[in-house]
Amino acid sequence: MQSDTLGTAPEEVTVIWSRRAKPGRQAALENVIDRLAQAMSSATGYEGVVSLRPQPGHPPIYTMVARFASQADLDAWVSSEIRGRLYAEAEGVSVGGLNVQQAAGLEGWFQMPGQPLVVPPPRYKMAIITWAALFPLLVLANLIAAPLLSNVSPLVRLLPVSIVLIGLMTWVVMPRMTRWFRFWLYPEAH
């Protein structure tokens, strides 16, 4: 991984793009989004994309959530010729322009569920909440995994434990911790 000018490793960047389809142009916008996702998959630093389609009966808003290894990689994609061409095509079948939201590193864990990305809390608060969430999980995982996997080397034992912990932190624990401690993480929102 390359370093930036301050000597620290670049952080992963998550970006959310959303557009509203013109009436009767949903299929055309879906086609452009599929081609954007395909083109993006070959971009430097690309780490994944999820395309979200509207539910029947809801506004025709289409969303792409993409991850890149660094801000520089995202910037390279945004300035690419193919991205520019496909975005221009998407403009022709959508209304209201492009809505863009972005978060870097662990900040994605601190998004209020169901809310747009906001300015993240200070890093010390993110570190404290992450530790408060992770420490009990580590203790519990050690109590459960140690007896079950006692015949396995510690390094091999870490693989399933780390997979489970990351999944729990990302989809179960951190969304709840963010909701429970929003009064402290986002005091200006109250």
N, C-alpha and C. Protein backbone atom coordinates (compact mmCIF):
# COMPACT_ATOMS: atom_id res chain seq x y z
N MET A 1 0.85 -1.18 0.00
CA MET A 1 0.00 0.00 0.00
C MET A 1 0.89 1.24 0.00
N GLN A 2 0.58 2.19 -0.84
CA GLN A 2 1.38 3.40 -0.93
C GLN A 2 1.05 4.34 0.21
N SER A 3 1.99 5.23 0.49
CA SER A 3 1.77 6.22 1.54
C SER A 3 1.49 7.58 0.92
N ASP A 4 0.76 8.41 1.66
CA ASP A 4 0.57 9.77 1.18
C ASP A 4 1.74 10.62 1.66
N THR A 5 1.69 11.91 1.46
CA THR A 5 2.83 12.76 1.77
C THR A 5 3.12 12.87 3.27
N LEU A 6 2.17 12.54 4.10
CA LEU A 6 2.40 12.61 5.54
C LEU A 6 2.99 11.32 6.08
N GLY A 7 3.15 10.29 5.24
CA GLY A 7 3.74 9.05 5.68
C GLY A 7 2.75 8.08 6.27
N THR A 8 1.46 8.32 6.14
CA THR A 8 0.47 7.40 6.66
C THR A 8 -0.19 6.68 5.50
N ALA A 9 -0.69 5.49 5.76
CA ALA A 9 -1.34 4.71 4.71
C ALA A 9 -2.67 5.37 4.33
N PRO A 10 -3.02 5.34 3.02
CA PRO A 10 -4.30 5.92 2.62
C PRO A 10 -5.44 5.09 3.17
N GLU A 11 -6.57 5.74 3.41
CA GLU A 11 -7.74 5.04 3.94
C GLU A 11 -8.68 4.66 2.83
N GLU A 12 -9.35 3.53 3.02
CA GLU A 12 -10.39 3.11 2.09
C GLU A 12 -11.47 4.19 2.05
N VAL A 13 -12.05 4.40 0.87
CA VAL A 13 -13.08 5.42 0.70
C VAL A 13 -14.36 4.75 0.21
N THR A 14 -15.47 5.08 0.84
CA THR A 14 -16.77 4.62 0.39
C THR A 14 -17.52 5.82 -0.15
N VAL A 15 -18.07 5.66 -1.36
CA VAL A 15 -18.80 6.76 -1.98
C VAL A 15 -20.17 6.25 -2.42
N ILE A 16 -21.17 7.10 -2.23
CA ILE A 16 -22.54 6.74 -2.58
C ILE A 16 -23.02 7.73 -3.63
N TRP A 17 -23.42 7.20 -4.78
CA TRP A 17 -23.98 8.03 -5.85
C TRP A 17 -25.44 7.65 -6.00
N SER A 18 -26.33 8.62 -6.12
CA SER A 18 -27.73 8.29 -6.37
C SER A 18 -28.32 9.26 -7.39
N ARG A 19 -29.26 8.72 -8.16
CA ARG A 19 -29.94 9.47 -9.21
C ARG A 19 -31.40 9.06 -9.25
N ARG A 20 -32.24 9.98 -9.71
CA ARG A 20 -33.67 9.70 -9.91
C ARG A 20 -33.91 9.57 -11.40
N ALA A 21 -34.52 8.46 -11.81
CA ALA A 21 -34.81 8.23 -13.22
C ALA A 21 -35.92 9.14 -13.70
N LYS A 22 -35.81 9.58 -14.96
CA LYS A 22 -36.91 10.31 -15.59
C LYS A 22 -38.09 9.36 -15.71
N PRO A 23 -39.31 9.88 -15.69
CA PRO A 23 -40.47 9.00 -15.86
C PRO A 23 -40.35 8.18 -17.15
N GLY A 24 -40.55 6.89 -17.01
CA GLY A 24 -40.49 5.98 -18.14
C GLY A 24 -39.08 5.62 -18.58
N ARG A 25 -38.04 6.12 -17.89
CA ARG A 25 -36.65 5.86 -18.29
C ARG A 25 -35.90 4.98 -17.30
N GLN A 26 -36.62 4.29 -16.42
CA GLN A 26 -35.98 3.46 -15.40
C GLN A 26 -35.09 2.39 -16.02
N ALA A 27 -35.59 1.70 -17.05
CA ALA A 27 -34.80 0.63 -17.68
C ALA A 27 -33.52 1.17 -18.29
N ALA A 28 -33.61 2.35 -18.91
CA ALA A 28 -32.42 2.96 -19.51
C ALA A 28 -31.39 3.32 -18.44
N LEU A 29 -31.85 3.87 -17.30
CA LEU A 29 -30.93 4.22 -16.22
C LEU A 29 -30.32 2.95 -15.62
N GLU A 30 -31.11 1.91 -15.44
CA GLU A 30 -30.58 0.64 -14.93
C GLU A 30 -29.48 0.11 -15.84
N ASN A 31 -29.67 0.23 -17.15
CA ASN A 31 -28.68 -0.24 -18.11
C ASN A 31 -27.37 0.53 -17.95
N VAL A 32 -27.45 1.85 -17.80
CA VAL A 32 -26.25 2.66 -17.62
C VAL A 32 -25.56 2.28 -16.31
N ILE A 33 -26.34 2.09 -15.25
CA ILE A 33 -25.76 1.73 -13.95
C ILE A 33 -25.04 0.39 -14.04
N ASP A 34 -25.62 -0.58 -14.73
CA ASP A 34 -24.96 -1.87 -14.89
C ASP A 34 -23.64 -1.72 -15.63
N ARG A 35 -23.62 -0.88 -16.67
CA ARG A 35 -22.38 -0.65 -17.42
C ARG A 35 -21.36 0.12 -16.59
N LEU A 36 -21.83 1.05 -15.75
CA LEU A 36 -20.92 1.76 -14.85
C LEU A 36 -20.26 0.80 -13.86
N ALA A 37 -21.06 -0.09 -13.28
CA ALA A 37 -20.51 -1.06 -12.33
C ALA A 37 -19.48 -1.96 -13.02
N GLN A 38 -19.78 -2.38 -14.23
CA GLN A 38 -18.84 -3.23 -14.98
C GLN A 38 -17.55 -2.48 -15.26
N ALA A 39 -17.64 -1.25 -15.73
CA ALA A 39 -16.45 -0.45 -16.03
C ALA A 39 -15.65 -0.15 -14.77
N MET A 40 -16.35 0.15 -13.69
CA MET A 40 -15.68 0.48 -12.43
C MET A 40 -14.87 -0.70 -11.91
N SER A 41 -15.32 -1.92 -12.18
CA SER A 41 -14.65 -3.10 -11.63
C SER A 41 -13.21 -3.26 -12.12
N SER A 42 -12.86 -2.59 -13.21
CA SER A 42 -11.48 -2.67 -13.70
C SER A 42 -10.65 -1.45 -13.29
N ALA A 43 -11.21 -0.55 -12.52
CA ALA A 43 -10.48 0.65 -12.08
C ALA A 43 -9.46 0.30 -11.01
N THR A 44 -8.36 1.02 -11.01
CA THR A 44 -7.32 0.84 -9.99
C THR A 44 -7.91 1.15 -8.62
N GLY A 45 -7.66 0.28 -7.66
CA GLY A 45 -8.11 0.50 -6.29
C GLY A 45 -9.56 0.14 -6.04
N TYR A 46 -10.25 -0.34 -7.06
CA TYR A 46 -11.66 -0.74 -6.91
C TYR A 46 -11.74 -1.89 -5.92
N GLU A 47 -12.66 -1.80 -4.95
CA GLU A 47 -12.82 -2.86 -3.96
C GLU A 47 -14.23 -3.43 -3.91
N GLY A 48 -15.15 -2.86 -4.66
CA GLY A 48 -16.50 -3.42 -4.69
C GLY A 48 -17.55 -2.35 -4.91
N VAL A 49 -18.68 -2.79 -5.45
CA VAL A 49 -19.80 -1.88 -5.68
C VAL A 49 -21.10 -2.65 -5.47
N VAL A 50 -22.08 -1.97 -4.93
CA VAL A 50 -23.42 -2.52 -4.79
C VAL A 50 -24.37 -1.53 -5.45
N SER A 51 -25.21 -2.03 -6.33
CA SER A 51 -26.22 -1.19 -6.98
C SER A 51 -27.57 -1.48 -6.33
N LEU A 52 -28.25 -0.44 -5.90
CA LEU A 52 -29.53 -0.57 -5.24
C LEU A 52 -30.63 0.00 -6.12
N ARG A 53 -31.63 -0.81 -6.41
CA ARG A 53 -32.76 -0.39 -7.22
C ARG A 53 -33.94 -0.04 -6.32
N PRO A 54 -34.81 0.84 -6.77
CA PRO A 54 -35.96 1.23 -5.93
C PRO A 54 -36.96 0.09 -5.81
N GLN A 55 -37.66 0.08 -4.69
CA GLN A 55 -38.73 -0.88 -4.47
C GLN A 55 -39.95 -0.44 -5.27
N PRO A 56 -40.76 -1.40 -5.73
CA PRO A 56 -41.98 -1.02 -6.46
C PRO A 56 -42.84 -0.08 -5.61
N GLY A 57 -43.36 0.95 -6.24
CA GLY A 57 -44.21 1.92 -5.54
C GLY A 57 -43.43 3.04 -4.88
N HIS A 58 -42.11 2.98 -4.89
CA HIS A 58 -41.28 4.03 -4.31
C HIS A 58 -40.70 4.90 -5.42
N PRO A 59 -40.18 6.08 -5.07
CA PRO A 59 -39.58 6.94 -6.10
C PRO A 59 -38.48 6.18 -6.85
N PRO A 60 -38.31 6.45 -8.15
CA PRO A 60 -37.33 5.72 -8.96
C PRO A 60 -35.90 6.24 -8.74
N ILE A 61 -35.41 6.07 -7.50
CA ILE A 61 -34.06 6.51 -7.16
C ILE A 61 -33.14 5.30 -7.17
N TYR A 62 -32.06 5.40 -7.94
CA TYR A 62 -31.08 4.33 -8.10
C TYR A 62 -29.80 4.77 -7.41
N THR A 63 -29.21 3.84 -6.66
CA THR A 63 -28.05 4.16 -5.84
C THR A 63 -26.93 3.17 -6.10
N MET A 64 -25.70 3.69 -6.13
CA MET A 64 -24.50 2.86 -6.22
C MET A 64 -23.64 3.17 -5.00
N VAL A 65 -23.22 2.13 -4.28
CA VAL A 65 -22.30 2.27 -3.15
C VAL A 65 -21.01 1.59 -3.57
N ALA A 66 -19.94 2.36 -3.68
CA ALA A 66 -18.67 1.81 -4.16
C ALA A 66 -17.57 2.06 -3.15
N ARG A 67 -16.62 1.12 -3.12
CA ARG A 67 -15.45 1.26 -2.24
C ARG A 67 -14.19 1.28 -3.10
N PHE A 68 -13.29 2.19 -2.74
CA PHE A 68 -11.99 2.28 -3.38
C PHE A 68 -10.92 2.24 -2.29
N ALA A 69 -9.73 1.77 -2.64
CA ALA A 69 -8.65 1.62 -1.67
C ALA A 69 -8.18 2.96 -1.12
N SER A 70 -8.32 4.03 -1.90
CA SER A 70 -7.85 5.34 -1.44
C SER A 70 -8.61 6.45 -2.16
N GLN A 71 -8.47 7.65 -1.65
CA GLN A 71 -9.07 8.81 -2.30
C GLN A 71 -8.46 9.01 -3.68
N ALA A 72 -7.16 8.77 -3.81
CA ALA A 72 -6.50 8.93 -5.12
C ALA A 72 -7.09 7.97 -6.15
N ASP A 73 -7.38 6.73 -5.72
CA ASP A 73 -7.99 5.77 -6.64
C ASP A 73 -9.39 6.21 -7.05
N LEU A 74 -10.17 6.72 -6.09
CA LEU A 74 -11.50 7.23 -6.42
C LEU A 74 -11.40 8.42 -7.37
N ASP A 75 -10.48 9.33 -7.09
CA ASP A 75 -10.30 10.50 -7.95
C ASP A 75 -9.93 10.09 -9.37
N ALA A 76 -9.08 9.06 -9.50
CA ALA A 76 -8.69 8.57 -10.83
C ALA A 76 -9.91 8.03 -11.56
N TRP A 77 -10.76 7.29 -10.87
CA TRP A 77 -11.98 6.77 -11.50
C TRP A 77 -12.90 7.91 -11.92
N VAL A 78 -13.10 8.88 -11.01
CA VAL A 78 -14.01 9.99 -11.30
C VAL A 78 -13.52 10.79 -12.51
N SER A 79 -12.23 10.90 -12.70
CA SER A 79 -11.72 11.67 -13.84
C SER A 79 -11.50 10.83 -15.09
N SER A 80 -11.85 9.55 -15.04
CA SER A 80 -11.65 8.68 -16.20
C SER A 80 -12.62 9.01 -17.33
N GLU A 81 -12.19 8.73 -18.55
CA GLU A 81 -13.00 9.02 -19.73
C GLU A 81 -14.28 8.19 -19.74
N ILE A 82 -14.16 6.90 -19.43
CA ILE A 82 -15.35 6.02 -19.48
C ILE A 82 -16.38 6.45 -18.46
N ARG A 83 -15.93 6.82 -17.28
CA ARG A 83 -16.87 7.30 -16.25
C ARG A 83 -17.57 8.56 -16.73
N GLY A 84 -16.83 9.48 -17.31
CA GLY A 84 -17.43 10.72 -17.81
C GLY A 84 -18.47 10.45 -18.88
N ARG A 85 -18.16 9.53 -19.79
CA ARG A 85 -19.10 9.21 -20.87
C ARG A 85 -20.38 8.57 -20.31
N LEU A 86 -20.22 7.62 -19.39
CA LEU A 86 -21.38 6.94 -18.82
C LEU A 86 -22.21 7.87 -17.93
N TYR A 87 -21.55 8.77 -17.19
CA TYR A 87 -22.30 9.71 -16.36
C TYR A 87 -23.09 10.69 -17.23
N ALA A 88 -22.51 11.09 -18.36
CA ALA A 88 -23.24 11.97 -19.28
C ALA A 88 -24.47 11.25 -19.82
N GLU A 89 -24.31 9.96 -20.11
CA GLU A 89 -25.44 9.16 -20.58
C GLU A 89 -26.51 9.05 -19.48
N ALA A 90 -26.08 8.87 -18.24
CA ALA A 90 -27.02 8.78 -17.11
C ALA A 90 -27.76 10.11 -16.92
N GLU A 91 -27.09 11.23 -17.16
CA GLU A 91 -27.74 12.54 -17.04
C GLU A 91 -28.94 12.64 -17.98
N GLY A 92 -28.82 12.03 -19.16
CA GLY A 92 -29.89 12.10 -20.15
C GLY A 92 -31.14 11.33 -19.78
N VAL A 93 -31.03 10.39 -18.85
CA VAL A 93 -32.19 9.56 -18.47
C VAL A 93 -32.57 9.76 -17.01
N SER A 94 -32.03 10.83 -16.39
CA SER A 94 -32.34 11.09 -14.98
C SER A 94 -32.69 12.56 -14.80
N VAL A 95 -33.27 12.86 -13.64
CA VAL A 95 -33.64 14.23 -13.30
C VAL A 95 -33.03 14.59 -11.95
N GLY A 96 -32.81 15.88 -11.75
CA GLY A 96 -32.36 16.34 -10.44
C GLY A 96 -30.87 16.25 -10.20
N GLY A 97 -30.10 15.78 -11.14
CA GLY A 97 -28.65 15.71 -10.96
C GLY A 97 -28.21 14.55 -10.10
N LEU A 98 -26.93 14.50 -9.88
CA LEU A 98 -26.29 13.41 -9.14
C LEU A 98 -26.10 13.81 -7.68
N ASN A 99 -26.49 12.94 -6.75
CA ASN A 99 -26.27 13.15 -5.32
C ASN A 99 -25.07 12.31 -4.92
N VAL A 100 -24.06 12.90 -4.28
CA VAL A 100 -22.84 12.20 -3.90
C VAL A 100 -22.62 12.36 -2.41
N GLN A 101 -22.31 11.24 -1.74
CA GLN A 101 -21.94 11.25 -0.32
C GLN A 101 -20.72 10.37 -0.18
N GLN A 102 -19.83 10.69 0.79
CA GLN A 102 -18.57 9.97 0.89
C GLN A 102 -18.13 9.83 2.33
N ALA A 103 -17.46 8.71 2.64
CA ALA A 103 -16.85 8.48 3.95
C ALA A 103 -15.56 7.71 3.75
N ALA A 104 -14.60 7.89 4.66
CA ALA A 104 -13.32 7.19 4.55
C ALA A 104 -13.07 6.36 5.80
N GLY A 105 -12.33 5.27 5.63
CA GLY A 105 -11.89 4.43 6.74
C GLY A 105 -13.02 3.91 7.59
N LEU A 106 -12.83 3.94 8.90
CA LEU A 106 -13.83 3.44 9.85
C LEU A 106 -15.06 4.33 9.92
N GLU A 107 -15.01 5.50 9.28
CA GLU A 107 -16.14 6.42 9.34
C GLU A 107 -17.42 5.78 8.82
N GLY A 108 -17.29 4.83 7.89
CA GLY A 108 -18.47 4.14 7.37
C GLY A 108 -19.20 3.37 8.46
N TRP A 109 -18.48 2.92 9.49
CA TRP A 109 -19.12 2.21 10.61
C TRP A 109 -19.98 3.16 11.43
N PHE A 110 -19.69 4.45 11.34
CA PHE A 110 -20.37 5.42 12.18
C PHE A 110 -21.45 6.16 11.43
N GLN A 111 -21.98 5.57 10.39
CA GLN A 111 -23.11 6.15 9.68
C GLN A 111 -24.37 5.76 10.45
N MET A 112 -25.23 6.73 10.68
CA MET A 112 -26.49 6.42 11.32
C MET A 112 -27.30 5.56 10.37
N PRO A 113 -27.75 4.37 10.79
CA PRO A 113 -28.53 3.51 9.91
C PRO A 113 -29.75 4.24 9.35
N GLY A 114 -29.92 4.12 8.03
CA GLY A 114 -31.07 4.73 7.38
C GLY A 114 -30.93 6.21 7.14
N GLN A 115 -29.78 6.80 7.46
CA GLN A 115 -29.57 8.23 7.29
C GLN A 115 -28.46 8.46 6.28
N PRO A 116 -28.46 9.60 5.61
CA PRO A 116 -27.36 9.91 4.71
C PRO A 116 -26.07 10.09 5.50
N LEU A 117 -24.93 9.94 4.81
CA LEU A 117 -23.65 10.15 5.47
C LEU A 117 -23.57 11.58 5.98
N VAL A 118 -23.01 11.73 7.17
CA VAL A 118 -22.85 13.05 7.77
C VAL A 118 -21.38 13.21 8.14
N VAL A 119 -21.02 14.39 8.60
CA VAL A 119 -19.65 14.60 9.07
C VAL A 119 -19.39 13.62 10.19
N PRO A 120 -18.33 12.83 10.10
CA PRO A 120 -18.08 11.82 11.12
C PRO A 120 -17.70 12.44 12.45
N PRO A 121 -17.90 11.68 13.53
CA PRO A 121 -17.49 12.19 14.83
C PRO A 121 -15.97 12.26 14.91
N PRO A 122 -15.44 12.93 15.93
CA PRO A 122 -13.99 12.99 16.10
C PRO A 122 -13.40 11.58 16.22
N ARG A 123 -12.18 11.42 15.75
CA ARG A 123 -11.54 10.09 15.73
C ARG A 123 -11.43 9.49 17.14
N TYR A 124 -11.20 10.30 18.16
CA TYR A 124 -11.08 9.72 19.49
C TYR A 124 -12.40 9.09 19.93
N LYS A 125 -13.53 9.70 19.52
CA LYS A 125 -14.83 9.11 19.86
C LYS A 125 -15.04 7.82 19.09
N MET A 126 -14.64 7.80 17.81
CA MET A 126 -14.77 6.57 17.03
C MET A 126 -13.91 5.47 17.64
N ALA A 127 -12.71 5.82 18.10
CA ALA A 127 -11.81 4.82 18.69
C ALA A 127 -12.40 4.26 19.99
N ILE A 128 -12.96 5.12 20.82
CA ILE A 128 -13.55 4.67 22.10
C ILE A 128 -14.75 3.75 21.84
N ILE A 129 -15.64 4.14 20.95
CA ILE A 129 -16.82 3.32 20.66
C ILE A 129 -16.42 2.00 20.01
N THR A 130 -15.42 2.04 19.10
CA THR A 130 -14.95 0.81 18.48
C THR A 130 -14.36 -0.12 19.53
N TRP A 131 -13.56 0.40 20.44
CA TRP A 131 -12.99 -0.43 21.50
C TRP A 131 -14.10 -0.99 22.39
N ALA A 132 -15.06 -0.15 22.77
CA ALA A 132 -16.16 -0.61 23.63
C ALA A 132 -16.98 -1.71 22.96
N ALA A 133 -17.06 -1.69 21.65
CA ALA A 133 -17.78 -2.74 20.92
C ALA A 133 -16.93 -3.98 20.73
N LEU A 134 -15.66 -3.78 20.43
CA LEU A 134 -14.78 -4.90 20.08
C LEU A 134 -14.30 -5.70 21.29
N PHE A 135 -14.00 -5.02 22.39
CA PHE A 135 -13.43 -5.72 23.55
C PHE A 135 -14.33 -6.86 24.06
N PRO A 136 -15.62 -6.62 24.29
CA PRO A 136 -16.46 -7.74 24.75
C PRO A 136 -16.55 -8.87 23.72
N LEU A 137 -16.56 -8.51 22.43
CA LEU A 137 -16.60 -9.54 21.40
C LEU A 137 -15.32 -10.37 21.41
N LEU A 138 -14.18 -9.74 21.61
CA LEU A 138 -12.92 -10.48 21.68
C LEU A 138 -12.89 -11.43 22.87
N VAL A 139 -13.36 -10.95 24.01
CA VAL A 139 -13.40 -11.81 25.20
C VAL A 139 -14.33 -13.00 24.96
N LEU A 140 -15.51 -12.74 24.44
CA LEU A 140 -16.47 -13.80 24.15
C LEU A 140 -15.93 -14.78 23.11
N ALA A 141 -15.33 -14.27 22.06
CA ALA A 141 -14.76 -15.13 21.02
C ALA A 141 -13.67 -16.00 21.58
N ASN A 142 -12.84 -15.45 22.46
CA ASN A 142 -11.77 -16.23 23.08
C ASN A 142 -12.34 -17.32 23.97
N LEU A 143 -13.37 -17.01 24.73
CA LEU A 143 -13.99 -18.01 25.61
C LEU A 143 -14.63 -19.15 24.82
N ILE A 144 -15.20 -18.83 23.66
CA ILE A 144 -15.87 -19.84 22.85
C ILE A 144 -14.88 -20.60 21.97
N ALA A 145 -14.00 -19.86 21.28
CA ALA A 145 -13.11 -20.48 20.29
C ALA A 145 -11.98 -21.27 20.93
N ALA A 146 -11.44 -20.82 22.05
CA ALA A 146 -10.29 -21.50 22.65
C ALA A 146 -10.59 -22.96 22.95
N PRO A 147 -11.69 -23.30 23.63
CA PRO A 147 -11.95 -24.73 23.89
C PRO A 147 -12.30 -25.51 22.61
N LEU A 148 -13.04 -24.87 21.69
CA LEU A 148 -13.46 -25.57 20.48
C LEU A 148 -12.32 -25.82 19.52
N LEU A 149 -11.37 -24.91 19.49
CA LEU A 149 -10.28 -25.01 18.53
C LEU A 149 -8.93 -25.17 19.22
N SER A 150 -8.92 -25.84 20.36
CA SER A 150 -7.69 -25.97 21.15
C SER A 150 -6.61 -26.78 20.43
N ASN A 151 -6.98 -27.66 19.51
CA ASN A 151 -6.01 -28.48 18.80
C ASN A 151 -5.47 -27.80 17.55
N VAL A 152 -5.94 -26.59 17.28
CA VAL A 152 -5.53 -25.85 16.09
C VAL A 152 -4.53 -24.78 16.49
N SER A 153 -3.57 -24.49 15.63
CA SER A 153 -2.58 -23.46 15.95
C SER A 153 -3.28 -22.12 16.14
N PRO A 154 -2.73 -21.26 16.99
CA PRO A 154 -3.36 -19.97 17.25
C PRO A 154 -3.54 -19.13 15.98
N LEU A 155 -2.60 -19.21 15.07
CA LEU A 155 -2.72 -18.44 13.83
C LEU A 155 -3.90 -18.91 13.00
N VAL A 156 -4.09 -20.22 12.88
CA VAL A 156 -5.22 -20.77 12.12
C VAL A 156 -6.52 -20.48 12.85
N ARG A 157 -6.51 -20.50 14.17
CA ARG A 157 -7.70 -20.23 14.98
C ARG A 157 -8.20 -18.80 14.76
N LEU A 158 -7.27 -17.88 14.49
CA LEU A 158 -7.65 -16.49 14.28
C LEU A 158 -8.46 -16.27 13.02
N LEU A 159 -8.29 -17.10 12.00
CA LEU A 159 -9.00 -16.89 10.74
C LEU A 159 -10.51 -16.92 10.92
N PRO A 160 -11.12 -18.01 11.41
CA PRO A 160 -12.58 -17.98 11.55
C PRO A 160 -13.05 -16.96 12.58
N VAL A 161 -12.28 -16.77 13.64
CA VAL A 161 -12.67 -15.80 14.66
C VAL A 161 -12.69 -14.39 14.08
N SER A 162 -11.67 -14.04 13.30
CA SER A 162 -11.63 -12.69 12.73
C SER A 162 -12.74 -12.47 11.72
N ILE A 163 -13.06 -13.49 10.93
CA ILE A 163 -14.15 -13.36 9.96
C ILE A 163 -15.47 -13.10 10.67
N VAL A 164 -15.74 -13.86 11.71
CA VAL A 164 -16.98 -13.68 12.47
C VAL A 164 -17.01 -12.31 13.15
N LEU A 165 -15.90 -11.91 13.74
CA LEU A 165 -15.86 -10.62 14.45
C LEU A 165 -16.06 -9.44 13.50
N ILE A 166 -15.42 -9.47 12.34
CA ILE A 166 -15.59 -8.37 11.38
C ILE A 166 -17.04 -8.31 10.90
N GLY A 167 -17.63 -9.46 10.62
CA GLY A 167 -19.04 -9.48 10.21
C GLY A 167 -19.95 -8.93 11.29
N LEU A 168 -19.74 -9.37 12.52
CA LEU A 168 -20.55 -8.86 13.63
C LEU A 168 -20.37 -7.36 13.82
N MET A 169 -19.12 -6.90 13.78
CA MET A 169 -18.85 -5.47 13.96
C MET A 169 -19.52 -4.64 12.87
N THR A 170 -19.43 -5.11 11.62
CA THR A 170 -19.92 -4.32 10.50
C THR A 170 -21.43 -4.29 10.41
N TRP A 171 -22.09 -5.46 10.59
CA TRP A 171 -23.53 -5.52 10.32
C TRP A 171 -24.41 -5.60 11.56
N VAL A 172 -23.84 -5.89 12.72
CA VAL A 172 -24.67 -6.04 13.91
C VAL A 172 -24.30 -5.03 14.99
N VAL A 173 -23.06 -5.05 15.42
CA VAL A 173 -22.66 -4.29 16.60
C VAL A 173 -22.52 -2.79 16.33
N MET A 174 -21.74 -2.40 15.32
CA MET A 174 -21.50 -0.97 15.12
C MET A 174 -22.75 -0.18 14.73
N PRO A 175 -23.65 -0.71 13.91
CA PRO A 175 -24.88 0.06 13.69
C PRO A 175 -25.64 0.32 14.99
N ARG A 176 -25.67 -0.67 15.88
CA ARG A 176 -26.36 -0.48 17.16
C ARG A 176 -25.60 0.49 18.07
N MET A 177 -24.27 0.34 18.14
CA MET A 177 -23.48 1.25 18.97
C MET A 177 -23.63 2.69 18.49
N THR A 178 -23.66 2.88 17.18
CA THR A 178 -23.83 4.22 16.63
C THR A 178 -25.19 4.79 17.02
N ARG A 179 -26.21 3.95 16.97
CA ARG A 179 -27.56 4.40 17.34
C ARG A 179 -27.62 4.69 18.84
N TRP A 180 -27.08 3.79 19.68
CA TRP A 180 -27.16 3.94 21.13
C TRP A 180 -26.36 5.14 21.63
N PHE A 181 -25.22 5.44 20.99
CA PHE A 181 -24.35 6.52 21.46
C PHE A 181 -24.39 7.75 20.56
N ARG A 182 -25.46 7.89 19.77
CA ARG A 182 -25.55 9.05 18.87
C ARG A 182 -25.56 10.36 19.64
N PHE A 183 -26.10 10.37 20.85
CA PHE A 183 -26.12 11.59 21.66
C PHE A 183 -24.71 12.10 21.93
N TRP A 184 -23.73 11.19 22.00
CA TRP A 184 -22.34 11.55 22.28
C TRP A 184 -21.54 11.73 20.99
N LEU A 185 -21.82 10.85 20.01
CA LEU A 185 -21.10 10.91 18.74
C LEU A 185 -21.51 12.12 17.92
N TYR A 186 -22.80 12.45 17.94
CA TYR A 186 -23.35 13.53 17.12
C TYR A 186 -24.16 14.49 18.00
N PRO A 187 -23.53 15.17 18.97
CA PRO A 187 -24.29 16.03 19.88
C PRO A 187 -25.02 17.17 19.18
N GLU A 188 -24.46 17.67 18.08
CA GLU A 188 -25.11 18.81 17.40
C GLU A 188 -26.41 18.40 16.72
N ALA A 189 -26.62 17.10 16.52
CA ALA A 189 -27.85 16.63 15.87
C ALA A 189 -29.02 16.58 16.87
N HIS A 190 -28.77 16.80 18.14
CA HIS A 190 -29.83 16.72 19.15
C HIS A 190 -30.21 18.07 19.67
